Amino acid sequence: MTTPDPQSGERLVRRFWDEIINAQMIGVVDDLMSHDYRQYADGIAQGPEGLKAFLRETFEASEGMRAEIHDIVSTGEIVVSRTTIRFDSPPPGWATEQTIVDIFRTDGVRLTEHWDMR
């Protein structure tokens, strides 16, 4: 297996934050996530459809969600981002602001796995 170019993974992760989260373009999930995308977070079903369902629920339960990317670092197939998420009105039980670290695995074309650290 060829190691993906670090910049391609960084571009995918930046698109995740900019297009899916900030612009709330849920359909971009189909472009960015592999068909067998794995999500390692409680409460989110596997695959692109599971992620889209979680995003729809989150966007509907909140107002003014936005992500500020502080850092994106890549070693090839692993891409790590440090991001602050802010809400004007967060979903029930969520903080108005939280800084998180996300770890993504990429095949160079799509995101294949995701872990988040809160």
N, C-alpha and C. Protein backbone atom coordinates (compact mmCIF):
# COMPACT_ATOMS: atom_id res chain seq x y z
N MET A 1 0.84 -1.18 0.00
CA MET A 1 0.00 0.00 0.00
C MET A 1 0.88 1.24 0.00
N THR A 2 0.56 2.20 -0.84
CA THR A 2 1.31 3.45 -0.92
C THR A 2 0.83 4.40 0.17
N THR A 3 1.78 5.06 0.83
CA THR A 3 1.42 6.04 1.85
C THR A 3 0.87 7.28 1.17
N PRO A 4 -0.32 7.76 1.61
CA PRO A 4 -0.90 8.95 1.00
C PRO A 4 -0.03 10.19 1.20
N ASP A 5 -0.10 11.11 0.26
CA ASP A 5 0.57 12.39 0.37
C ASP A 5 -0.04 13.15 1.55
N PRO A 6 0.79 13.63 2.51
CA PRO A 6 0.26 14.34 3.67
C PRO A 6 -0.65 15.51 3.30
N GLN A 7 -0.32 16.23 2.24
CA GLN A 7 -1.14 17.38 1.87
C GLN A 7 -2.53 16.98 1.40
N SER A 8 -2.67 15.82 0.77
CA SER A 8 -4.01 15.39 0.33
C SER A 8 -4.89 15.11 1.54
N GLY A 9 -4.34 14.49 2.57
CA GLY A 9 -5.09 14.23 3.80
C GLY A 9 -5.47 15.52 4.50
N GLU A 10 -4.55 16.47 4.54
CA GLU A 10 -4.84 17.75 5.17
C GLU A 10 -5.95 18.48 4.43
N ARG A 11 -5.95 18.41 3.10
CA ARG A 11 -7.02 19.04 2.31
C ARG A 11 -8.37 18.40 2.62
N LEU A 12 -8.40 17.08 2.73
CA LEU A 12 -9.65 16.39 3.05
C LEU A 12 -10.20 16.83 4.40
N VAL A 13 -9.32 16.90 5.40
CA VAL A 13 -9.75 17.29 6.74
C VAL A 13 -10.20 18.75 6.76
N ARG A 14 -9.51 19.62 6.06
CA ARG A 14 -9.93 21.02 5.98
C ARG A 14 -11.31 21.12 5.33
N ARG A 15 -11.54 20.34 4.28
CA ARG A 15 -12.87 20.33 3.64
C ARG A 15 -13.94 19.83 4.61
N PHE A 16 -13.59 18.82 5.42
CA PHE A 16 -14.54 18.32 6.42
C PHE A 16 -15.02 19.48 7.30
N TRP A 17 -14.07 20.23 7.86
CA TRP A 17 -14.44 21.33 8.76
C TRP A 17 -15.12 22.48 8.01
N ASP A 18 -14.56 22.89 6.89
CA ASP A 18 -15.08 24.06 6.17
C ASP A 18 -16.42 23.80 5.50
N GLU A 19 -16.53 22.68 4.80
CA GLU A 19 -17.74 22.43 4.01
C GLU A 19 -18.82 21.69 4.79
N ILE A 20 -18.46 20.64 5.50
CA ILE A 20 -19.47 19.85 6.21
C ILE A 20 -19.92 20.54 7.48
N ILE A 21 -18.99 21.01 8.29
CA ILE A 21 -19.37 21.62 9.57
C ILE A 21 -19.76 23.08 9.39
N ASN A 22 -18.86 23.91 8.89
CA ASN A 22 -19.16 25.34 8.82
C ASN A 22 -20.25 25.68 7.81
N ALA A 23 -20.22 25.09 6.63
CA ALA A 23 -21.24 25.38 5.61
C ALA A 23 -22.46 24.46 5.73
N GLN A 24 -22.38 23.47 6.61
CA GLN A 24 -23.45 22.50 6.85
C GLN A 24 -23.92 21.83 5.56
N MET A 25 -22.96 21.48 4.73
CA MET A 25 -23.23 20.80 3.46
C MET A 25 -23.10 19.28 3.68
N ILE A 26 -24.14 18.70 4.23
CA ILE A 26 -24.11 17.28 4.60
C ILE A 26 -23.81 16.38 3.41
N GLY A 27 -24.24 16.75 2.22
CA GLY A 27 -23.99 15.94 1.03
C GLY A 27 -22.52 15.74 0.72
N VAL A 28 -21.65 16.62 1.22
CA VAL A 28 -20.21 16.49 0.98
C VAL A 28 -19.66 15.24 1.66
N VAL A 29 -20.37 14.72 2.67
CA VAL A 29 -19.96 13.47 3.32
C VAL A 29 -19.75 12.38 2.27
N ASP A 30 -20.62 12.32 1.27
CA ASP A 30 -20.50 11.29 0.23
C ASP A 30 -19.23 11.44 -0.59
N ASP A 31 -18.73 12.67 -0.72
CA ASP A 31 -17.49 12.92 -1.47
C ASP A 31 -16.25 12.65 -0.63
N LEU A 32 -16.33 12.91 0.68
CA LEU A 32 -15.13 12.86 1.53
C LEU A 32 -14.92 11.54 2.25
N MET A 33 -15.99 10.83 2.59
CA MET A 33 -15.87 9.62 3.38
C MET A 33 -15.94 8.39 2.49
N SER A 34 -15.12 7.38 2.82
CA SER A 34 -15.16 6.12 2.08
C SER A 34 -16.48 5.40 2.37
N HIS A 35 -16.86 4.48 1.49
CA HIS A 35 -18.12 3.75 1.68
C HIS A 35 -18.11 2.92 2.96
N ASP A 36 -16.93 2.53 3.43
CA ASP A 36 -16.82 1.74 4.66
C ASP A 36 -16.24 2.56 5.82
N TYR A 37 -16.48 3.87 5.79
CA TYR A 37 -16.01 4.81 6.81
C TYR A 37 -16.35 4.31 8.21
N ARG A 38 -15.35 4.34 9.10
CA ARG A 38 -15.51 3.88 10.49
C ARG A 38 -15.41 5.07 11.43
N GLN A 39 -16.35 5.18 12.33
CA GLN A 39 -16.43 6.27 13.30
C GLN A 39 -16.28 5.67 14.69
N TYR A 40 -15.28 6.12 15.44
CA TYR A 40 -15.03 5.57 16.77
C TYR A 40 -15.47 6.59 17.82
N ALA A 41 -16.76 6.84 17.88
CA ALA A 41 -17.34 7.74 18.88
C ALA A 41 -18.70 7.17 19.27
N ASP A 42 -18.99 7.21 20.55
CA ASP A 42 -20.28 6.73 21.03
C ASP A 42 -21.41 7.55 20.43
N GLY A 43 -22.48 6.88 20.09
CA GLY A 43 -23.68 7.56 19.63
C GLY A 43 -23.72 7.90 18.15
N ILE A 44 -22.69 7.52 17.39
CA ILE A 44 -22.69 7.79 15.96
C ILE A 44 -22.60 6.45 15.23
N ALA A 45 -23.59 6.18 14.41
CA ALA A 45 -23.61 4.92 13.66
C ALA A 45 -22.50 4.91 12.61
N GLN A 46 -22.11 3.73 12.19
CA GLN A 46 -21.02 3.57 11.23
C GLN A 46 -21.42 3.98 9.82
N GLY A 47 -20.41 4.28 9.02
CA GLY A 47 -20.61 4.58 7.61
C GLY A 47 -21.03 6.02 7.36
N PRO A 48 -20.98 6.42 6.11
CA PRO A 48 -21.38 7.78 5.75
C PRO A 48 -22.82 8.11 6.17
N GLU A 49 -23.73 7.15 6.06
CA GLU A 49 -25.13 7.41 6.44
C GLU A 49 -25.25 7.68 7.93
N GLY A 50 -24.47 6.96 8.75
CA GLY A 50 -24.49 7.21 10.19
C GLY A 50 -23.99 8.60 10.53
N LEU A 51 -22.93 9.02 9.85
CA LEU A 51 -22.39 10.36 10.08
C LEU A 51 -23.39 11.42 9.64
N LYS A 52 -24.03 11.22 8.49
CA LYS A 52 -25.01 12.20 8.01
C LYS A 52 -26.19 12.32 8.97
N ALA A 53 -26.65 11.21 9.52
CA ALA A 53 -27.75 11.25 10.49
C ALA A 53 -27.35 12.03 11.73
N PHE A 54 -26.13 11.79 12.23
CA PHE A 54 -25.64 12.53 13.40
C PHE A 54 -25.54 14.02 13.10
N LEU A 55 -25.03 14.37 11.94
CA LEU A 55 -24.89 15.79 11.57
C LEU A 55 -26.25 16.46 11.45
N ARG A 56 -27.21 15.80 10.80
CA ARG A 56 -28.55 16.38 10.67
C ARG A 56 -29.13 16.67 12.05
N GLU A 57 -29.01 15.70 12.94
CA GLU A 57 -29.53 15.84 14.30
C GLU A 57 -28.84 17.00 15.02
N THR A 58 -27.52 17.08 14.90
CA THR A 58 -26.76 18.15 15.56
C THR A 58 -27.12 19.51 15.00
N PHE A 59 -27.18 19.65 13.69
CA PHE A 59 -27.50 20.94 13.07
C PHE A 59 -28.92 21.38 13.43
N GLU A 60 -29.87 20.43 13.48
CA GLU A 60 -31.25 20.78 13.81
C GLU A 60 -31.41 21.18 15.27
N ALA A 61 -30.57 20.64 16.16
CA ALA A 61 -30.68 20.91 17.59
C ALA A 61 -29.84 22.10 18.05
N SER A 62 -29.18 22.78 17.11
CA SER A 62 -28.28 23.88 17.49
C SER A 62 -28.46 25.06 16.55
N GLU A 63 -27.86 26.17 16.95
CA GLU A 63 -27.82 27.36 16.09
C GLU A 63 -26.41 27.90 16.11
N GLY A 64 -25.98 28.40 14.96
CA GLY A 64 -24.70 29.10 14.88
C GLY A 64 -23.48 28.23 15.12
N MET A 65 -23.52 26.97 14.70
CA MET A 65 -22.35 26.09 14.87
C MET A 65 -21.26 26.50 13.89
N ARG A 66 -20.05 26.63 14.41
CA ARG A 66 -18.91 26.96 13.55
C ARG A 66 -17.65 26.36 14.15
N ALA A 67 -16.71 26.04 13.28
CA ALA A 67 -15.44 25.43 13.69
C ALA A 67 -14.31 26.36 13.29
N GLU A 68 -13.39 26.54 14.22
CA GLU A 68 -12.16 27.29 13.95
C GLU A 68 -11.00 26.32 14.03
N ILE A 69 -10.33 26.10 12.91
CA ILE A 69 -9.21 25.18 12.86
C ILE A 69 -7.96 25.90 13.37
N HIS A 70 -7.31 25.30 14.36
CA HIS A 70 -6.06 25.85 14.89
C HIS A 70 -4.85 25.19 14.25
N ASP A 71 -4.89 23.86 14.12
CA ASP A 71 -3.76 23.11 13.59
C ASP A 71 -4.27 21.90 12.80
N ILE A 72 -3.55 21.57 11.75
CA ILE A 72 -3.73 20.30 11.04
C ILE A 72 -2.33 19.75 10.78
N VAL A 73 -2.11 18.52 11.25
CA VAL A 73 -0.80 17.88 11.12
C VAL A 73 -1.02 16.49 10.51
N SER A 74 -0.16 16.13 9.56
CA SER A 74 -0.31 14.84 8.88
C SER A 74 1.01 14.10 8.83
N THR A 75 0.91 12.77 8.96
CA THR A 75 2.08 11.91 8.79
C THR A 75 1.91 11.00 7.58
N GLY A 76 0.98 11.32 6.74
CA GLY A 76 0.66 10.47 5.59
C GLY A 76 -0.77 10.03 5.69
N GLU A 77 -0.99 8.80 6.16
CA GLU A 77 -2.37 8.32 6.26
C GLU A 77 -3.10 8.80 7.51
N ILE A 78 -2.38 9.34 8.49
CA ILE A 78 -3.00 9.87 9.71
C ILE A 78 -2.94 11.39 9.67
N VAL A 79 -4.10 12.01 9.92
CA VAL A 79 -4.21 13.47 9.96
C VAL A 79 -4.86 13.84 11.28
N VAL A 80 -4.25 14.79 12.00
CA VAL A 80 -4.75 15.24 13.29
C VAL A 80 -5.11 16.71 13.19
N SER A 81 -6.30 17.06 13.70
CA SER A 81 -6.68 18.47 13.73
C SER A 81 -7.04 18.87 15.15
N ARG A 82 -6.72 20.13 15.48
CA ARG A 82 -7.14 20.74 16.75
C ARG A 82 -8.05 21.89 16.37
N THR A 83 -9.27 21.82 16.86
CA THR A 83 -10.32 22.72 16.40
C THR A 83 -11.17 23.17 17.58
N THR A 84 -11.62 24.42 17.56
CA THR A 84 -12.59 24.90 18.53
C THR A 84 -13.95 24.98 17.85
N ILE A 85 -14.94 24.32 18.47
CA ILE A 85 -16.32 24.36 18.00
C ILE A 85 -17.08 25.34 18.88
N ARG A 86 -17.82 26.25 18.24
CA ARG A 86 -18.62 27.23 18.99
C ARG A 86 -20.06 27.17 18.48
N PHE A 87 -20.98 27.43 19.39
CA PHE A 87 -22.41 27.48 19.07
C PHE A 87 -22.99 28.77 19.62
N ASP A 88 -23.94 29.36 18.89
CA ASP A 88 -24.75 30.42 19.48
C ASP A 88 -25.72 29.79 20.46
N SER A 89 -26.26 28.64 20.08
CA SER A 89 -27.16 27.86 20.92
C SER A 89 -26.82 26.38 20.69
N PRO A 90 -26.12 25.75 21.65
CA PRO A 90 -25.68 24.36 21.44
C PRO A 90 -26.82 23.35 21.62
N PRO A 91 -26.62 22.13 21.12
CA PRO A 91 -27.58 21.06 21.41
C PRO A 91 -27.63 20.81 22.92
N PRO A 92 -28.74 20.28 23.42
CA PRO A 92 -28.84 19.99 24.86
C PRO A 92 -27.67 19.14 25.35
N GLY A 93 -27.06 19.56 26.44
CA GLY A 93 -25.96 18.83 27.04
C GLY A 93 -24.59 19.15 26.48
N TRP A 94 -24.53 19.99 25.46
CA TRP A 94 -23.25 20.37 24.86
C TRP A 94 -22.82 21.72 25.39
N ALA A 95 -21.52 21.97 25.44
CA ALA A 95 -20.98 23.26 25.84
C ALA A 95 -21.10 24.25 24.68
N THR A 96 -21.15 25.54 25.02
CA THR A 96 -21.20 26.59 24.01
C THR A 96 -19.91 26.64 23.21
N GLU A 97 -18.80 26.25 23.85
CA GLU A 97 -17.50 26.24 23.18
C GLU A 97 -16.69 25.06 23.69
N GLN A 98 -16.03 24.37 22.79
CA GLN A 98 -15.13 23.28 23.19
C GLN A 98 -14.03 23.11 22.16
N THR A 99 -12.83 22.89 22.66
CA THR A 99 -11.69 22.62 21.79
C THR A 99 -11.48 21.12 21.77
N ILE A 100 -11.36 20.57 20.57
CA ILE A 100 -11.27 19.12 20.41
C ILE A 100 -10.10 18.75 19.51
N VAL A 101 -9.64 17.53 19.67
CA VAL A 101 -8.61 16.96 18.80
C VAL A 101 -9.27 15.79 18.06
N ASP A 102 -9.15 15.80 16.75
CA ASP A 102 -9.71 14.74 15.92
C ASP A 102 -8.59 14.05 15.17
N ILE A 103 -8.68 12.73 15.10
CA ILE A 103 -7.70 11.93 14.36
C ILE A 103 -8.44 11.25 13.22
N PHE A 104 -7.95 11.45 12.02
CA PHE A 104 -8.55 10.86 10.83
C PHE A 104 -7.52 9.95 10.16
N ARG A 105 -8.00 8.88 9.54
CA ARG A 105 -7.17 8.07 8.66
C ARG A 105 -7.69 8.30 7.24
N THR A 106 -6.76 8.41 6.29
CA THR A 106 -7.14 8.64 4.90
C THR A 106 -6.43 7.65 3.99
N ASP A 107 -7.05 7.36 2.89
CA ASP A 107 -6.39 6.55 1.86
C ASP A 107 -5.80 7.44 0.77
N GLY A 108 -5.85 8.75 1.00
CA GLY A 108 -5.34 9.73 0.04
C GLY A 108 -6.42 10.31 -0.85
N VAL A 109 -7.56 9.64 -0.90
CA VAL A 109 -8.69 10.09 -1.72
C VAL A 109 -9.89 10.43 -0.84
N ARG A 110 -10.09 9.63 0.20
CA ARG A 110 -11.23 9.81 1.11
C ARG A 110 -10.79 9.58 2.55
N LEU A 111 -11.61 10.06 3.48
CA LEU A 111 -11.38 9.78 4.89
C LEU A 111 -11.99 8.41 5.18
N THR A 112 -11.22 7.54 5.85
CA THR A 112 -11.66 6.16 6.07
C THR A 112 -12.01 5.86 7.52
N GLU A 113 -11.40 6.60 8.47
CA GLU A 113 -11.67 6.38 9.89
C GLU A 113 -11.56 7.70 10.63
N HIS A 114 -12.24 7.76 11.81
CA HIS A 114 -12.21 8.98 12.62
C HIS A 114 -12.34 8.65 14.10
N TRP A 115 -11.48 9.28 14.90
CA TRP A 115 -11.54 9.22 16.35
C TRP A 115 -11.60 10.66 16.85
N ASP A 116 -12.38 10.93 17.90
CA ASP A 116 -12.31 12.28 18.46
C ASP A 116 -11.98 12.22 19.94
N MET A 117 -11.28 13.25 20.39
CA MET A 117 -10.84 13.36 21.78
C MET A 117 -11.44 14.65 22.33
N ARG A 118 -12.28 14.52 23.30
CA ARG A 118 -12.91 15.72 23.90
C ARG A 118 -12.40 15.93 25.29
